[in-house]
PDB file of N, CA and C in Angstrom:
ATOM      1  N   MET A   1       0.784  -1.227  -0.114  1.00  0.00           N
ATOM      2  CA  MET A   1      -0.063  -0.029  -0.133  1.00  0.00           C
ATOM      3  C   MET A   1       0.936   0.897   0.087  1.00  0.00           C
ATOM      4  N   PHE A   2       0.746   2.107  -1.222  1.00  0.00           N
ATOM      5  CA  PHE A   2       1.230   3.077  -0.645  1.00  0.00           C
ATOM      6  C   PHE A   2       0.505   4.365   0.062  1.00  0.00           C
ATOM      7  N   LEU A   3       1.770   5.198   1.067  1.00  0.00           N
ATOM      8  CA  LEU A   3       1.267   5.931   2.220  1.00  0.00           C
ATOM      9  C   LEU A   3       2.198   7.616   2.290  1.00  0.00           C
ATOM     10  N   VAL A   4       1.465   8.153   2.411  1.00  0.00           N
ATOM     11  CA  VAL A   4       2.097   9.909   2.146  1.00  0.00           C
ATOM     12  C   VAL A   4       1.399  10.049   3.550  1.00  0.00           C
ATOM     13  N   PRO A   5       2.379  10.835   4.345  1.00  0.00           N
ATOM     14  CA  PRO A   5       2.399  11.605   5.393  1.00  0.00           C
ATOM     15  C   PRO A   5       1.611  12.274   5.419  1.00  0.00           C
ATOM     16  N   ALA A   6       0.568  12.795   6.299  1.00  0.00           N
ATOM     17  CA  ALA A   6      -0.842  13.772   6.424  1.00  0.00           C
ATOM     18  C   ALA A   6       0.303  15.087   6.418  1.00  0.00           C
ATOM     19  N   GLN A   7      -0.918  16.299   6.091  1.00  0.00           N
ATOM     20  CA  GLN A   7       0.139  17.184   5.617  1.00  0.00           C
ATOM     21  C   GLN A   7       0.971  17.814   7.581  1.00  0.00           C
ATOM     22  N   GLY A   8       2.199  18.304   7.618  1.00  0.00           N
ATOM     23  CA  GLY A   8       3.130  18.452   9.063  1.00  0.00           C
ATOM     24  C   GLY A   8       3.021  17.492   9.716  1.00  0.00           C
ATOM     25  N   ARG A   9       2.886  16.003   9.595  1.00  0.00           N
ATOM     26  CA  ARG A   9       3.070  15.475   9.781  1.00  0.00           C
ATOM     27  C   ARG A   9       4.824  14.168  10.103  1.00  0.00           C
ATOM     28  N   GLN A  10       5.593  13.884  10.524  1.00  0.00           N
ATOM     29  CA  GLN A  10       6.291  13.227   9.946  1.00  0.00           C
ATOM     30  C   GLN A  10       6.208  11.673  11.094  1.00  0.00           C
ATOM     31  N   VAL A  11       5.959  10.813  10.295  1.00  0.00           N
ATOM     32  CA  VAL A  11       5.794   9.327  10.551  1.00  0.00           C
ATOM     33  C   VAL A  11       7.050   8.910  10.723  1.00  0.00           C
ATOM     34  N   ALA A  12       6.884   7.565  11.595  1.00  0.00           N
ATOM     35  CA  ALA A  12       8.143   6.747  11.708  1.00  0.00           C
ATOM     36  C   ALA A  12       8.022   5.652  11.159  1.00  0.00           C
ATOM     37  N   ASP A  13       9.007   4.889  10.534  1.00  0.00           N
ATOM     38  CA  ASP A  13       8.797   3.800   9.410  1.00  0.00           C
ATOM     39  C   ASP A  13       9.424   2.580  10.358  1.00  0.00           C
ATOM     40  N   PRO A  14       8.501   2.029  10.966  1.00  0.00           N
ATOM     41  CA  PRO A  14       9.539   1.433  12.336  1.00  0.00           C
ATOM     42  C   PRO A  14      10.212   0.109  11.137  1.00  0.00           C
ATOM     43  N   ASP A  15       9.858  -0.681  10.034  1.00  0.00           N
ATOM     44  CA  ASP A  15      10.117  -1.001   8.827  1.00  0.00           C
ATOM     45  C   ASP A  15      11.310  -0.583   8.280  1.00  0.00           C
ATOM     46  N   ARG A  16      11.793   0.068   8.198  1.00  0.00           N
ATOM     47  CA  ARG A  16      13.218   1.038   7.603  1.00  0.00           C
ATOM     48  C   ARG A  16      14.086   1.462   8.774  1.00  0.00           C
ATOM     49  N   GLY A  17      13.791   2.203   9.808  1.00  0.00           N
ATOM     50  CA  GLY A  17      14.176   2.300  11.066  1.00  0.00           C
ATOM     51  C   GLY A  17      14.215   4.076  10.615  1.00  0.00           C
ATOM     52  N   ASP A  18      13.675   4.623   9.699  1.00  0.00           N
ATOM     53  CA  ASP A  18      13.606   6.299   9.494  1.00  0.00           C
ATOM     54  C   ASP A  18      12.399   6.604   9.410  1.00  0.00           C
ATOM     55  N   HIS A  19      11.616   7.743   8.851  1.00  0.00           N
ATOM     56  CA  HIS A  19      10.524   8.523   8.299  1.00  0.00           C
ATOM     57  C   HIS A  19      10.050   8.427   7.448  1.00  0.00           C
ATOM     58  N   LEU A  20       8.738   7.685   7.125  1.00  0.00           N
ATOM     59  CA  LEU A  20       8.098   7.700   6.015  1.00  0.00           C
ATOM     60  C   LEU A  20       8.562   9.312   5.215  1.00  0.00           C
ATOM     61  N   PRO A  21       8.930   9.336   3.709  1.00  0.00           N
ATOM     62  CA  PRO A  21       9.480  10.452   2.925  1.00  0.00           C
ATOM     63  C   PRO A  21       8.123  11.429   2.829  1.00  0.00           C
ATOM     64  N   ALA A  22       8.016  12.383   2.499  1.00  0.00           N
ATOM     65  CA  ALA A  22       7.305  13.385   2.360  1.00  0.00           C
ATOM     66  C   ALA A  22       6.260  13.143   1.086  1.00  0.00           C
ATOM     67  N   GLU A  23       6.705  12.149   0.156  1.00  0.00           N
ATOM     68  CA  GLU A  23       6.677  12.026  -0.700  1.00  0.00           C
ATOM     69  C   GLU A  23       6.265  10.702  -0.805  1.00  0.00           C
ATOM     70  N   GLY A  24       5.509   9.936   0.148  1.00  0.00           N
ATOM     71  CA  GLY A  24       4.753   8.186   0.341  1.00  0.00           C
ATOM     72  C   GLY A  24       6.035   7.474   0.493  1.00  0.00           C
ATOM     73  N   ARG A  25       5.485   6.306   0.110  1.00  0.00           N
ATOM     74  CA  ARG A  25       6.484   5.113   0.359  1.00  0.00           C
ATOM     75  C   ARG A  25       5.353   4.109   0.165  1.00  0.00           C
ATOM     76  N   GLU A  26       5.454   2.754  -0.115  1.00  0.00           N
ATOM     77  CA  GLU A  26       5.360   1.425  -0.374  1.00  0.00           C
ATOM     78  C   GLU A  26       5.429   1.184   0.500  1.00  0.00           C
ATOM     79  N   VAL A  27       4.373   0.560   1.862  1.00  0.00           N
ATOM     80  CA  VAL A  27       4.399  -0.524   2.743  1.00  0.00           C
ATOM     81  C   VAL A  27       3.659  -0.839   2.283  1.00  0.00           C
ATOM     82  N   GLU A  28       4.575  -2.748   3.571  1.00  0.00           N
ATOM     83  CA  GLU A  28       3.340  -3.266   4.266  1.00  0.00           C
ATOM     84  C   GLU A  28       2.223  -2.884   5.226  1.00  0.00           C
ATOM     85  N   PHE A  29       1.045  -3.402   4.677  1.00  0.00           N
ATOM     86  CA  PHE A  29       0.172  -2.436   5.344  1.00  0.00           C
ATOM     87  C   PHE A  29      -0.068  -3.319   6.976  1.00  0.00           C
ATOM     88  N   THR A  30      -0.020  -2.991   7.954  1.00  0.00           N
ATOM     89  CA  THR A  30       0.406  -3.806   9.081  1.00  0.00           C
ATOM     90  C   THR A  30      -0.700  -3.146   9.654  1.00  0.00           C
ATOM     91  N   GLN A  31      -0.767  -3.867  11.265  1.00  0.00           N
ATOM     92  CA  GLN A  31      -1.552  -3.244  11.577  1.00  0.00           C
ATOM     93  C   GLN A  31      -0.853  -1.920  12.368  1.00  0.00           C
ATOM     94  N   TYR A  32       0.180  -1.370  12.691  1.00  0.00           N
ATOM     95  CA  TYR A  32       1.073  -0.410  12.687  1.00  0.00           C
ATOM     96  C   TYR A  32       0.525   0.923  11.894  1.00  0.00           C
ATOM     97  N   TRP A  33       0.242   0.446  10.456  1.00  0.00           N
ATOM     98  CA  TRP A  33      -0.355   1.865   9.182  1.00  0.00           C
ATOM     99  C   TRP A  33      -1.690   1.347   9.152  1.00  0.00           C
ATOM    100  N   GLN A  34      -2.413   0.637   9.789  1.00  0.00           N
ATOM    101  CA  GLN A  34      -3.946   0.832  10.030  1.00  0.00           C
ATOM    102  C   GLN A  34      -4.040   1.686  11.298  1.00  0.00           C
ATOM    103  N   ARG A  35      -3.185   2.094  12.176  1.00  0.00           N
ATOM    104  CA  ARG A  35      -3.652   2.819  13.203  1.00  0.00           C
ATOM    105  C   ARG A  35      -3.157   4.156  12.535  1.00  0.00           C
ATOM    106  N   ARG A  36      -1.993   4.701  11.792  1.00  0.00           N
ATOM    107  CA  ARG A  36      -1.656   5.508  11.612  1.00  0.00           C
ATOM    108  C   ARG A  36      -2.913   5.983  10.678  1.00  0.00           C
ATOM    109  N   VAL A  37      -3.411   5.260  10.253  1.00  0.00           N
ATOM    110  CA  VAL A  37      -4.468   5.564   9.009  1.00  0.00           C
ATOM    111  C   VAL A  37      -5.621   6.550   9.713  1.00  0.00           C
ATOM    112  N   ALA A  38      -6.072   5.718  11.007  1.00  0.00           N
ATOM    113  CA  ALA A  38      -7.001   5.615  11.413  1.00  0.00           C
ATOM    114  C   ALA A  38      -6.800   7.031  12.465  1.00  0.00           C
ATOM    115  N   ASP A  39      -5.705   7.506  13.047  1.00  0.00           N
ATOM    116  CA  ASP A  39      -5.532   8.428  13.460  1.00  0.00           C
ATOM    117  C   ASP A  39      -5.131   9.803  12.866  1.00  0.00           C
ATOM    118  N   GLY A  40      -5.219   9.254  11.052  1.00  0.00           N
ATOM    119  CA  GLY A  40      -4.758  10.270  10.511  1.00  0.00           C
ATOM    120  C   GLY A  40      -3.451  10.742  10.213  1.00  0.00           C
ATOM    121  N   ASP A  41      -2.851  10.433  10.680  1.00  0.00           N
ATOM    122  CA  ASP A  41      -1.151  10.502  10.549  1.00  0.00           C
ATOM    123  C   ASP A  41      -0.660  10.647   9.135  1.00  0.00           C
ATOM    124  N   VAL A  42      -1.190   9.782   8.750  1.00  0.00           N
ATOM    125  CA  VAL A  42      -0.991   9.015   6.716  1.00  0.00           C
ATOM    126  C   VAL A  42      -2.527   9.103   6.036  1.00  0.00           C
ATOM    127  N   VAL A  43      -2.163   9.001   5.040  1.00  0.00           N
ATOM    128  CA  VAL A  43      -2.959   9.225   3.757  1.00  0.00           C
ATOM    129  C   VAL A  43      -2.794   7.887   2.548  1.00  0.00           C
ATOM    130  N   VAL A  44      -4.000   7.428   2.117  1.00  0.00           N
ATOM    131  CA  VAL A  44      -3.282   6.238   1.122  1.00  0.00           C
ATOM    132  C   VAL A  44      -3.328   7.166   0.118  1.00  0.00           C
ATOM    133  N   GLY A  45      -2.204   7.290  -0.802  1.00  0.00           N
ATOM    134  CA  GLY A  45      -1.950   7.972  -2.193  1.00  0.00           C
ATOM    135  C   GLY A  45      -1.547   7.185  -3.206  1.00  0.00           C
ATOM    136  N   GLN A  46      -1.730   7.499  -4.206  1.00  0.00           N
ATOM    137  CA  GLN A  46      -1.431   6.968  -5.335  1.00  0.00           C
ATOM    138  C   GLN A  46       0.194   6.931  -5.893  1.00  0.00           C
ATOM    139  N   ILE A  47       0.778   5.718  -6.394  1.00  0.00           N
ATOM    140  CA  ILE A  47       1.820   5.595  -6.864  1.00  0.00           C
ATOM    141  C   ILE A  47       2.386   6.526  -7.704  1.00  0.00           C
ATOM    142  N   PRO A  48       3.214   7.458  -7.814  1.00  0.00           N
ATOM    143  CA  PRO A  48       3.688   8.636  -8.872  1.00  0.00           C
ATOM    144  C   PRO A  48       3.878   7.435 -10.319  1.00  0.00           C
ATOM    145  N   ALA A  49       3.241   8.092 -11.113  1.00  0.00           N
ATOM    146  CA  ALA A  49       3.631   7.658 -12.381  1.00  0.00           C
ATOM    147  C   ALA A  49       5.053   7.765 -12.909  1.00  0.00           C
ATOM    148  N   ALA A  50       5.689   6.790 -13.272  1.00  0.00           N
ATOM    149  CA  ALA A  50       7.045   7.053 -13.630  1.00  0.00           C
ATOM    150  C   ALA A  50       7.089   7.520 -14.950  1.00  0.00           C
ATOM    151  N   GLU A  51       7.883   8.370 -14.854  1.00  0.00           N
ATOM    152  CA  GLU A  51       7.909   9.388 -16.221  1.00  0.00           C
ATOM    153  C   GLU A  51       8.791   8.410 -17.333  1.00  0.00           C
ATOM    154  N   PRO A  52       8.102   8.679 -18.585  1.00  0.00           N
ATOM    155  CA  PRO A  52       8.740   8.147 -20.041  1.00  0.00           C
ATOM    156  C   PRO A  52      10.162   8.296 -20.192  1.00  0.00           C
ATOM    157  N   PHE A  53      10.773   7.556 -20.685  1.00  0.00           N
ATOM    158  CA  PHE A  53      12.176   7.837 -20.909  1.00  0.00           C
ATOM    159  C   PHE A  53      11.878   8.525 -21.696  1.00  0.00           C
ATOM    160  N   ALA A  54      13.410   9.570 -21.874  1.00  0.00           N
ATOM    161  CA  ALA A  54      13.134  11.096 -22.583  1.00  0.00           C
ATOM    162  C   ALA A  54      14.198  10.419 -24.583  1.00  0.00           C
ATOM    163  N   LYS A  55      13.252  10.758 -25.109  1.00  0.00           N
ATOM    164  CA  LYS A  55      14.261  10.674 -26.214  1.00  0.00           C
ATOM    165  C   LYS A  55      15.309  11.420 -26.485  1.00  0.00           C
ATOM    166  N   LYS A  56      16.310  10.682 -27.324  1.00  0.00           N
ATOM    167  CA  LYS A  56      17.687  11.291 -27.833  1.00  0.00           C
ATOM    168  C   LYS A  56      17.297  11.888 -29.428  1.00  0.00           C
ATOM    169  N   LYS A  57      17.971  13.461 -28.929  1.00  0.00           N
ATOM    170  CA  LYS A  57      17.804  14.443 -29.992  1.00  0.00           C
ATOM    171  C   LYS A  57      19.045  13.453 -31.256  1.00  0.00           C
ATOM    172  N   GLY A  58      19.055  13.757 -31.863  1.00  0.00           N
ATOM    173  CA  GLY A  58      19.406  12.944 -33.026  1.00  0.00           C
ATOM    174  C   GLY A  58      20.168  12.536 -34.406  1.00  0.00           C
TER     175      GLY A  58
END
């Protein structure tokens, strides 16, 4: 599941030992993350679309 911290929040990621980045991250939806969603600390987001490869001029 892709989660993003709520505005102004910094949320610990216990599996990685750091904080959930502002742009979000794919995480395993455990009870920990279920509680963070229920408390409003994080929101379910969309995985950013990969940018297409730039064509080389030539």
